[in-house]
Amino acid sequence: MSGIGPARAGDVDQILILQRAAYRIEAERYDDFELPPLTESRADLLAALRTHTVLVARRARAGDTTPAHHIVGTVRARVADETAHIARLSVLPSLHGQGIGRRLLDVIERVTAPVRRYELCTGHRSERNLRMYERAGYRRVRVEPQSDRVSLVYLEKVVDASVGPHRARHELTGSASRFPHAADGRQ
């Protein structure tokens, strides 16, 4: 992987394609093709770039010498009431199992710090996602039915205040000044 860094407005089309490919697997699992990540518009994602911290994982394509690398993963978060709400963690399906999702999760936690807790959710039958989140220190806190087919499992990770906030500036490509709200914790 070439690196993880902030998404830019020019990344929106690639992010939407990636997100739809990743969530199509979830849609098939639940027989529900109206999941919000599948129906998100370009305008909605552009708005999220202004209100959320949105990260992308990039990988250079074979033989590619251009600075714009192929986006292979994405995640977003917003902070409210000392909680980082993490969402839309997506990895190109052909690259599942290579640690990209876990690395995106680690970096989004670090760039949204300091917070008291992290919260995210996934579908109740998304066992692979549930295992990854639990291995990352999340625990299940509630289940909310969304439809006859889908229930969302909410997970949280409470931050140990004695450890203190952690940051991952060194893991990001680009400077902190190019990363909106990273320095002050706002989302």
C-alpha atoms as a PDB file:
ATOM      1  CA  MET A   1       0.000   0.000   0.000  1.00  0.00           C
ATOM      2  CA  SER A   2       1.252   3.473  -0.822  1.00  0.00           C
ATOM      3  CA  GLY A   3      -0.279   5.073   2.251  1.00  0.00           C
ATOM      4  CA  ILE A   4      -3.293   6.389   4.100  1.00  0.00           C
ATOM      5  CA  GLY A   5      -4.207  10.042   3.957  1.00  0.00           C
ATOM      6  CA  PRO A   6      -7.050  12.519   3.782  1.00  0.00           C
ATOM      7  CA  ALA A   7      -9.576  12.233   0.972  1.00  0.00           C
ATOM      8  CA  ARG A   8      -9.867  15.136  -1.442  1.00  0.00           C
ATOM      9  CA  ALA A   9     -12.817  16.334  -3.511  1.00  0.00           C
ATOM     10  CA  GLY A  10     -11.165  14.812  -6.582  1.00  0.00           C
ATOM     11  CA  ASP A  11     -11.353  11.371  -4.912  1.00  0.00           C
ATOM     12  CA  VAL A  12     -15.156  11.331  -4.652  1.00  0.00           C
ATOM     13  CA  ASP A  13     -15.856   9.261  -7.767  1.00  0.00           C
ATOM     14  CA  GLN A  14     -13.241   6.628  -6.860  1.00  0.00           C
ATOM     15  CA  ILE A  15     -14.546   6.462  -3.277  1.00  0.00           C
ATOM     16  CA  LEU A  16     -18.130   5.928  -4.460  1.00  0.00           C
ATOM     17  CA  ILE A  17     -17.080   3.155  -6.858  1.00  0.00           C
ATOM     18  CA  LEU A  18     -15.048   1.452  -4.125  1.00  0.00           C
ATOM     19  CA  GLN A  19     -17.783   1.855  -1.522  1.00  0.00           C
ATOM     20  CA  ARG A  20     -20.421   0.385  -3.859  1.00  0.00           C
ATOM     21  CA  ALA A  21     -18.199  -2.585  -4.692  1.00  0.00           C
ATOM     22  CA  ALA A  22     -17.520  -3.268  -1.004  1.00  0.00           C
ATOM     23  CA  TYR A  23     -21.107  -2.844   0.164  1.00  0.00           C
ATOM     24  CA  ARG A  24     -22.536  -4.889  -2.704  1.00  0.00           C
ATOM     25  CA  ILE A  25     -21.249  -7.935  -0.806  1.00  0.00           C
ATOM     26  CA  GLU A  26     -23.192  -6.773   2.255  1.00  0.00           C
ATOM     27  CA  ALA A  27     -26.282  -6.089   0.121  1.00  0.00           C
ATOM     28  CA  GLU A  28     -26.165  -9.630  -1.250  1.00  0.00           C
ATOM     29  CA  ARG A  29     -25.719 -11.046   2.257  1.00  0.00           C
ATOM     30  CA  TYR A  30     -28.842  -9.240   3.483  1.00  0.00           C
ATOM     31  CA  ASP A  31     -30.779  -9.175   0.196  1.00  0.00           C
ATOM     32  CA  ASP A  32     -31.070  -5.412   0.641  1.00  0.00           C
ATOM     33  CA  PHE A  33     -29.730  -3.227  -2.158  1.00  0.00           C
ATOM     34  CA  GLU A  34     -30.905   0.020  -0.548  1.00  0.00           C
ATOM     35  CA  LEU A  35     -28.165   0.136   2.085  1.00  0.00           C
ATOM     36  CA  PRO A  36     -27.118   3.799   2.560  1.00  0.00           C
ATOM     37  CA  PRO A  37     -23.524   3.271   1.317  1.00  0.00           C
ATOM     38  CA  LEU A  38     -24.974   1.978  -1.960  1.00  0.00           C
ATOM     39  CA  THR A  39     -27.324   4.903  -2.438  1.00  0.00           C
ATOM     40  CA  GLU A  40     -25.056   7.726  -1.274  1.00  0.00           C
ATOM     41  CA  SER A  41     -24.840  10.461  -3.909  1.00  0.00           C
ATOM     42  CA  ARG A  42     -21.832  12.411  -5.061  1.00  0.00           C
ATOM     43  CA  ALA A  43     -23.273  15.518  -3.354  1.00  0.00           C
ATOM     44  CA  ASP A  44     -23.702  13.590  -0.083  1.00  0.00           C
ATOM     45  CA  LEU A  45     -20.094  12.436  -0.155  1.00  0.00           C
ATOM     46  CA  LEU A  46     -18.845  15.937  -0.968  1.00  0.00           C
ATOM     47  CA  ALA A  47     -20.815  17.189   2.054  1.00  0.00           C
ATOM     48  CA  ALA A  48     -19.242  14.446   4.205  1.00  0.00           C
ATOM     49  CA  LEU A  49     -15.799  15.695   3.213  1.00  0.00           C
ATOM     50  CA  ARG A  50     -16.713  18.972   4.940  1.00  0.00           C
ATOM     51  CA  THR A  51     -18.269  17.452   8.090  1.00  0.00           C
ATOM     52  CA  HIS A  52     -16.251  14.258   8.636  1.00  0.00           C
ATOM     53  CA  THR A  53     -12.658  13.157   8.664  1.00  0.00           C
ATOM     54  CA  VAL A  54     -12.492  10.978   5.543  1.00  0.00           C
ATOM     55  CA  LEU A  55      -9.424   8.842   4.893  1.00  0.00           C
ATOM     56  CA  VAL A  56      -8.381   6.843   1.855  1.00  0.00           C
ATOM     57  CA  ALA A  57      -5.835   4.074   1.450  1.00  0.00           C
ATOM     58  CA  ARG A  58      -3.951   4.327  -1.827  1.00  0.00           C
ATOM     59  CA  ARG A  59      -1.938   1.791  -3.757  1.00  0.00           C
ATOM     60  CA  ALA A  60       0.056   2.460  -6.884  1.00  0.00           C
ATOM     61  CA  ARG A  61      -1.120   0.454  -9.892  1.00  0.00           C
ATOM     62  CA  ALA A  62       1.446  -1.749 -11.603  1.00  0.00           C
ATOM     63  CA  GLY A  63       3.536   0.420 -13.905  1.00  0.00           C
ATOM     64  CA  ASP A  64       1.822   3.603 -12.694  1.00  0.00           C
ATOM     65  CA  THR A  65       4.207   6.518 -12.291  1.00  0.00           C
ATOM     66  CA  THR A  66       1.568   9.210 -11.717  1.00  0.00           C
ATOM     67  CA  PRO A  67       1.166  10.736  -8.253  1.00  0.00           C
ATOM     68  CA  ALA A  68      -2.572   9.893  -8.159  1.00  0.00           C
ATOM     69  CA  HIS A  69      -2.688   6.356  -6.806  1.00  0.00           C
ATOM     70  CA  HIS A  70      -5.609   3.971  -6.947  1.00  0.00           C
ATOM     71  CA  ILE A  71      -7.896   4.143  -3.882  1.00  0.00           C
ATOM     72  CA  VAL A  72      -8.227   0.690  -2.310  1.00  0.00           C
ATOM     73  CA  GLY A  73      -9.908   1.582   0.992  1.00  0.00           C
ATOM     74  CA  THR A  74     -11.757   4.344   2.792  1.00  0.00           C
ATOM     75  CA  VAL A  75     -13.227   5.179   6.193  1.00  0.00           C
ATOM     76  CA  ARG A  76     -14.811   8.241   7.767  1.00  0.00           C
ATOM     77  CA  ALA A  77     -15.556   9.551  11.239  1.00  0.00           C
ATOM     78  CA  ARG A  78     -17.041  12.514  13.005  1.00  0.00           C
ATOM     79  CA  VAL A  79     -16.575  13.469  16.633  1.00  0.00           C
ATOM     80  CA  ALA A  80     -19.529  14.475  18.806  1.00  0.00           C
ATOM     81  CA  ASP A  81     -19.758  14.518  22.597  1.00  0.00           C
ATOM     82  CA  GLU A  82     -16.267  13.018  23.014  1.00  0.00           C
ATOM     83  CA  THR A  83     -17.176  10.025  20.821  1.00  0.00           C
ATOM     84  CA  ALA A  84     -15.682   9.307  17.410  1.00  0.00           C
ATOM     85  CA  HIS A  85     -18.450   7.810  15.269  1.00  0.00           C
ATOM     86  CA  ILE A  86     -16.670   5.670  12.669  1.00  0.00           C
ATOM     87  CA  ALA A  87     -18.497   4.686   9.490  1.00  0.00           C
ATOM     88  CA  ARG A  88     -18.266   3.367   5.952  1.00  0.00           C
ATOM     89  CA  LEU A  89     -15.068   1.358   6.398  1.00  0.00           C
ATOM     90  CA  SER A  90     -14.677  -0.085   2.901  1.00  0.00           C
ATOM     91  CA  VAL A  91     -11.917  -2.060   1.198  1.00  0.00           C
ATOM     92  CA  LEU A  92     -11.739  -3.180  -2.405  1.00  0.00           C
ATOM     93  CA  PRO A  93     -13.191  -6.737  -2.275  1.00  0.00           C
ATOM     94  CA  SER A  94     -10.233  -8.277  -4.133  1.00  0.00           C
ATOM     95  CA  LEU A  95      -7.953  -7.035  -1.341  1.00  0.00           C
ATOM     96  CA  HIS A  96      -9.955  -8.284   1.663  1.00  0.00           C
ATOM     97  CA  GLY A  97      -7.864 -10.069   4.269  1.00  0.00           C
ATOM     98  CA  GLN A  98      -4.689  -8.048   3.643  1.00  0.00           C
ATOM     99  CA  GLY A  99      -4.966  -5.802   6.710  1.00  0.00           C
ATOM    100  CA  ILE A 100      -6.064  -2.650   4.875  1.00  0.00           C
ATOM    101  CA  GLY A 101      -9.318  -2.347   6.825  1.00  0.00           C
ATOM    102  CA  ARG A 102      -7.574  -2.808  10.151  1.00  0.00           C
ATOM    103  CA  ARG A 103      -4.951  -0.225   9.235  1.00  0.00           C
ATOM    104  CA  LEU A 104      -7.645   2.271   8.205  1.00  0.00           C
ATOM    105  CA  LEU A 105      -9.403   1.649  11.527  1.00  0.00           C
ATOM    106  CA  ASP A 106      -6.194   2.225  13.490  1.00  0.00           C
ATOM    107  CA  VAL A 107      -5.427   5.469  11.666  1.00  0.00           C
ATOM    108  CA  ILE A 108      -8.962   6.910  11.918  1.00  0.00           C
ATOM    109  CA  GLU A 109      -8.864   6.242  15.665  1.00  0.00           C
ATOM    110  CA  ARG A 110      -5.576   8.068  15.988  1.00  0.00           C
ATOM    111  CA  VAL A 111      -6.502  11.117  13.928  1.00  0.00           C
ATOM    112  CA  THR A 112      -9.797  11.598  15.783  1.00  0.00           C
ATOM    113  CA  ALA A 113      -8.110  11.423  19.202  1.00  0.00           C
ATOM    114  CA  PRO A 114      -8.446  12.598  21.870  1.00  0.00           C
ATOM    115  CA  VAL A 115     -11.891  11.154  22.518  1.00  0.00           C
ATOM    116  CA  ARG A 116     -13.371   9.087  25.330  1.00  0.00           C
ATOM    117  CA  ARG A 117     -14.779   6.385  23.073  1.00  0.00           C
ATOM    118  CA  TYR A 118     -15.101   5.112  19.529  1.00  0.00           C
ATOM    119  CA  GLU A 119     -18.357   3.743  18.153  1.00  0.00           C
ATOM    120  CA  LEU A 120     -19.169   1.928  14.935  1.00  0.00           C
ATOM    121  CA  CYS A 121     -21.709  -0.546  13.626  1.00  0.00           C
ATOM    122  CA  THR A 122     -22.015  -3.394  11.166  1.00  0.00           C
ATOM    123  CA  GLY A 123     -24.683  -5.838  10.081  1.00  0.00           C
ATOM    124  CA  HIS A 124     -25.583  -8.713  12.392  1.00  0.00           C
ATOM    125  CA  ARG A 125     -24.522 -11.346   9.824  1.00  0.00           C
ATOM    126  CA  SER A 126     -21.235  -9.648   8.936  1.00  0.00           C
ATOM    127  CA  GLU A 127     -19.136 -12.065  10.986  1.00  0.00           C
ATOM    128  CA  ARG A 128     -15.818 -11.139   9.382  1.00  0.00           C
ATOM    129  CA  ASN A 129     -16.362  -7.464  10.249  1.00  0.00           C
ATOM    130  CA  LEU A 130     -17.473  -8.322  13.784  1.00  0.00           C
ATOM    131  CA  ARG A 131     -14.341 -10.447  14.342  1.00  0.00           C
ATOM    132  CA  MET A 132     -12.045  -7.696  13.066  1.00  0.00           C
ATOM    133  CA  TYR A 133     -13.660  -5.060  15.292  1.00  0.00           C
ATOM    134  CA  GLU A 134     -13.538  -7.317  18.348  1.00  0.00           C
ATOM    135  CA  ARG A 135      -9.856  -8.115  17.696  1.00  0.00           C
ATOM    136  CA  ALA A 136      -9.277  -4.338  17.560  1.00  0.00           C
ATOM    137  CA  GLY A 137     -10.691  -3.973  21.090  1.00  0.00           C
ATOM    138  CA  TYR A 138     -14.335  -3.171  20.354  1.00  0.00           C
ATOM    139  CA  ARG A 139     -17.151  -4.807  22.272  1.00  0.00           C
ATOM    140  CA  ARG A 140     -20.774  -5.230  21.298  1.00  0.00           C
ATOM    141  CA  VAL A 141     -23.090  -2.848  23.142  1.00  0.00           C
ATOM    142  CA  ARG A 142     -26.469  -3.076  21.389  1.00  0.00           C
ATOM    143  CA  VAL A 143     -28.366  -4.364  18.373  1.00  0.00           C
ATOM    144  CA  GLU A 144     -30.879  -2.196  16.513  1.00  0.00           C
ATOM    145  CA  PRO A 145     -33.220  -3.708  13.916  1.00  0.00           C
ATOM    146  CA  GLN A 146     -33.224  -1.660  10.700  1.00  0.00           C
ATOM    147  CA  SER A 147     -35.633  -3.793   8.663  1.00  0.00           C
ATOM    148  CA  ASP A 148     -36.943  -7.347   8.475  1.00  0.00           C
ATOM    149  CA  ARG A 149     -33.580  -8.345   6.978  1.00  0.00           C
ATOM    150  CA  VAL A 150     -30.981  -6.172   8.691  1.00  0.00           C
ATOM    151  CA  SER A 151     -30.069  -5.464  12.288  1.00  0.00           C
ATOM    152  CA  LEU A 152     -27.095  -3.285  13.122  1.00  0.00           C
ATOM    153  CA  VAL A 153     -24.684  -4.389  15.817  1.00  0.00           C
ATOM    154  CA  TYR A 154     -23.165  -1.371  17.559  1.00  0.00           C
ATOM    155  CA  LEU A 155     -19.701  -1.764  19.019  1.00  0.00           C
ATOM    156  CA  GLU A 156     -17.623   0.576  21.149  1.00  0.00           C
ATOM    157  CA  LYS A 157     -14.073   0.957  22.363  1.00  0.00           C
ATOM    158  CA  VAL A 158     -13.627   3.001  25.516  1.00  0.00           C
ATOM    159  CA  VAL A 159     -10.339   4.879  25.706  1.00  0.00           C
ATOM    160  CA  ASP A 160      -8.190   4.333  28.771  1.00  0.00           C
ATOM    161  CA  ALA A 161      -7.578   7.878  30.025  1.00  0.00           C
ATOM    162  CA  SER A 162      -4.359   6.788  31.764  1.00  0.00           C
ATOM    163  CA  VAL A 163      -2.812   5.971  28.384  1.00  0.00           C
ATOM    164  CA  GLY A 164      -3.662   9.376  26.949  1.00  0.00           C
ATOM    165  CA  PRO A 165      -4.503  10.412  23.421  1.00  0.00           C
ATOM    166  CA  HIS A 166      -2.664   8.895  20.513  1.00  0.00           C
ATOM    167  CA  ARG A 167      -1.976  10.384  17.111  1.00  0.00           C
ATOM    168  CA  ALA A 168      -0.803   8.962  13.825  1.00  0.00           C
ATOM    169  CA  ARG A 169       0.610  11.914  11.928  1.00  0.00           C
ATOM    170  CA  HIS A 170       3.547   9.753  10.861  1.00  0.00           C
ATOM    171  CA  GLU A 171       1.171   7.228   9.263  1.00  0.00           C
ATOM    172  CA  LEU A 172      -0.565   9.809   7.111  1.00  0.00           C
ATOM    173  CA  THR A 173       0.644  10.809   3.717  1.00  0.00           C
ATOM    174  CA  GLY A 174       0.618  14.579   3.568  1.00  0.00           C
ATOM    175  CA  SER A 175       0.955  17.095   6.333  1.00  0.00           C
ATOM    176  CA  ALA A 176      -1.370  17.780   9.232  1.00  0.00           C
ATOM    177  CA  SER A 177      -2.178  21.148   7.684  1.00  0.00           C
ATOM    178  CA  ARG A 178      -3.734  19.355   4.699  1.00  0.00           C
ATOM    179  CA  PHE A 179      -5.825  17.217   7.030  1.00  0.00           C
ATOM    180  CA  PRO A 180      -8.974  19.128   8.006  1.00  0.00           C
ATOM    181  CA  HIS A 181      -9.594  19.371  11.745  1.00  0.00           C
ATOM    182  CA  ALA A 182      -6.870  16.866  12.611  1.00  0.00           C
ATOM    183  CA  ALA A 183      -5.020  19.202  14.917  1.00  0.00           C
ATOM    184  CA  ASP A 184      -7.992  20.361  16.982  1.00  0.00           C
ATOM    185  CA  GLY A 185     -10.076  17.152  17.123  1.00  0.00           C
ATOM    186  CA  ARG A 186     -13.152  18.697  15.469  1.00  0.00           C
ATOM    187  CA  GLN A 187     -15.010  16.739  12.815  1.00  0.00           C
END
